[in-house]
Amino acid sequence: MIIEPVSLVRQVEIVFKELRQELGELNSGTVFLQIRNNSVGKFGVRHNPLESRNGLVHKVGEGLAESQWQAFRQLALDSLKYKVNWTHGEITFDFTVKKDTLYASVMFESNYNMSNLL
């Protein structure tokens, strides 16, 4: 049996689908994808879900609405067009919601191994 490789675009779609419920609870954070051989390995969300004011702990914000999640997912998919000539590294997507507006940015980190070049 031959298994076709899954494209990176499809893998990012799967990641965002898997994180949908968690992102629905967060109004800021960082989604990260660790990539090796153009495949997503580890992925997840870094965030601070709780704040403390005057000694009282409470949840921060409402989380991403469906339309905001769709826009965030599309940004992630569109950003892959800018990933050039590297197969190992990390992609991070920082996001926050302020006054019902989603703000997001993307950062690529490429990794190379000298032992592969010598």
Protein backbone atom coordinates (compact mmCIF):
# COMPACT_ATOMS: atom_id res chain seq x y z
CA MET A 1 0.00 0.00 0.00
CA ILE A 2 1.36 3.41 -1.01
CA ILE A 3 0.32 6.38 1.09
CA GLU A 4 0.41 9.77 -0.59
CA PRO A 5 2.03 12.54 1.45
CA VAL A 6 -0.38 15.10 2.86
CA SER A 7 0.36 18.65 1.70
CA LEU A 8 1.43 21.23 4.25
CA VAL A 9 -1.68 23.27 3.40
CA ARG A 10 -3.92 20.32 4.26
CA GLN A 11 -1.98 19.70 7.47
CA VAL A 12 -2.51 23.34 8.56
CA GLU A 13 -6.24 22.94 7.84
CA ILE A 14 -6.27 19.85 10.09
CA VAL A 15 -4.38 21.73 12.85
CA PHE A 16 -6.84 24.63 12.87
CA LYS A 17 -9.79 22.25 12.89
CA GLU A 18 -8.26 20.42 15.87
CA LEU A 19 -7.66 23.71 17.73
CA ARG A 20 -11.11 25.18 16.93
CA GLN A 21 -12.64 24.54 20.36
CA GLU A 22 -9.59 25.80 22.27
CA LEU A 23 -9.38 28.97 20.16
CA GLY A 24 -13.07 29.56 20.84
CA GLU A 25 -12.13 30.04 24.49
CA LEU A 26 -9.18 32.41 23.92
CA ASN A 27 -8.97 36.05 22.89
CA SER A 28 -5.17 36.09 22.51
CA GLY A 29 -2.22 33.75 22.24
CA THR A 30 0.14 32.07 19.83
CA VAL A 31 -0.55 29.05 17.64
CA PHE A 32 2.68 27.21 16.84
CA LEU A 33 3.55 24.54 14.28
CA GLN A 34 6.83 22.67 14.45
CA ILE A 35 7.80 21.47 10.99
CA ARG A 36 10.19 18.72 9.97
CA ASN A 37 10.55 17.53 6.37
CA ASN A 38 7.60 19.74 5.41
CA SER A 39 5.35 17.88 7.86
CA VAL A 40 3.72 19.28 10.97
CA GLY A 41 4.87 17.42 14.05
CA LYS A 42 4.08 19.09 17.31
CA PHE A 43 1.54 21.92 17.33
CA GLY A 44 -0.50 23.79 19.88
CA VAL A 45 -1.39 27.09 21.51
CA ARG A 46 0.56 29.19 23.99
CA HIS A 47 -1.67 31.47 26.01
CA ASN A 48 -2.52 32.93 29.39
CA PRO A 49 -6.14 31.94 29.98
CA LEU A 50 -6.47 33.57 33.38
CA GLU A 51 -5.77 36.99 34.89
CA SER A 52 -5.78 38.12 38.47
CA ARG A 53 -7.07 41.50 39.65
CA ASN A 54 -7.23 42.39 43.33
CA GLY A 55 -6.58 38.75 44.22
CA LEU A 56 -9.49 37.44 42.14
CA VAL A 57 -8.78 35.08 39.25
CA HIS A 58 -11.02 35.25 36.21
CA LYS A 59 -11.07 34.14 32.60
CA VAL A 60 -9.90 36.67 30.01
CA GLY A 61 -12.35 37.55 27.22
CA GLU A 62 -14.78 35.55 25.17
CA GLY A 63 -12.58 33.78 22.62
CA LEU A 64 -12.62 33.74 18.83
CA ALA A 65 -16.00 33.91 17.14
CA GLU A 66 -16.62 31.64 14.15
CA SER A 67 -15.93 34.43 11.64
CA GLN A 68 -12.70 35.36 13.45
CA TRP A 69 -11.58 31.73 13.52
CA GLN A 70 -12.27 31.45 9.77
CA ALA A 71 -10.25 34.62 9.09
CA PHE A 72 -7.39 33.38 11.30
CA ARG A 73 -7.40 29.99 9.57
CA GLN A 74 -7.33 31.67 6.15
CA LEU A 75 -4.42 33.88 7.21
CA ALA A 76 -2.50 30.76 8.22
CA LEU A 77 -3.21 29.06 4.90
CA ASP A 78 -2.35 32.16 2.87
CA SER A 79 0.89 32.68 4.79
CA LEU A 80 2.26 29.36 3.52
CA LYS A 81 2.82 31.06 0.14
CA TYR A 82 5.66 32.96 1.82
CA LYS A 83 7.44 29.85 3.15
CA VAL A 84 10.33 29.52 0.72
CA ASN A 85 13.08 26.92 0.38
CA TRP A 86 13.11 25.39 3.86
CA THR A 87 11.75 22.11 5.20
CA HIS A 88 12.51 22.32 8.93
CA GLY A 89 11.49 25.03 11.39
CA GLU A 90 8.55 26.61 13.16
CA ILE A 91 5.67 28.84 12.17
CA THR A 92 3.98 30.94 14.84
CA PHE A 93 0.73 32.83 14.52
CA ASP A 94 0.21 35.50 17.18
CA PHE A 95 -3.37 36.70 17.62
CA THR A 96 -5.47 38.96 19.78
CA VAL A 97 -9.01 40.26 19.70
CA LYS A 98 -9.61 43.89 20.62
CA LYS A 99 -13.02 45.54 20.32
CA ASP A 100 -14.33 42.57 18.29
CA THR A 101 -11.49 42.90 15.74
CA LEU A 102 -9.00 40.10 15.19
CA TYR A 103 -5.34 41.14 14.89
CA ALA A 104 -2.81 38.50 13.85
CA SER A 105 0.76 38.17 12.67
CA VAL A 106 2.91 35.35 11.32
CA MET A 107 6.55 34.51 12.02
CA PHE A 108 8.63 31.87 10.23
CA GLU A 109 11.69 30.26 11.79
CA SER A 110 13.78 28.14 9.43
CA ASN A 111 16.21 25.55 10.82
CA TYR A 112 19.19 24.03 9.04
CA ASN A 113 21.67 21.38 10.14
CA MET A 114 25.35 21.80 9.22
CA SER A 115 25.93 18.04 9.32
CA ASN A 116 23.58 17.70 6.35
CA LEU A 117 25.71 20.14 4.34
CA LEU A 118 29.15 18.63 5.01
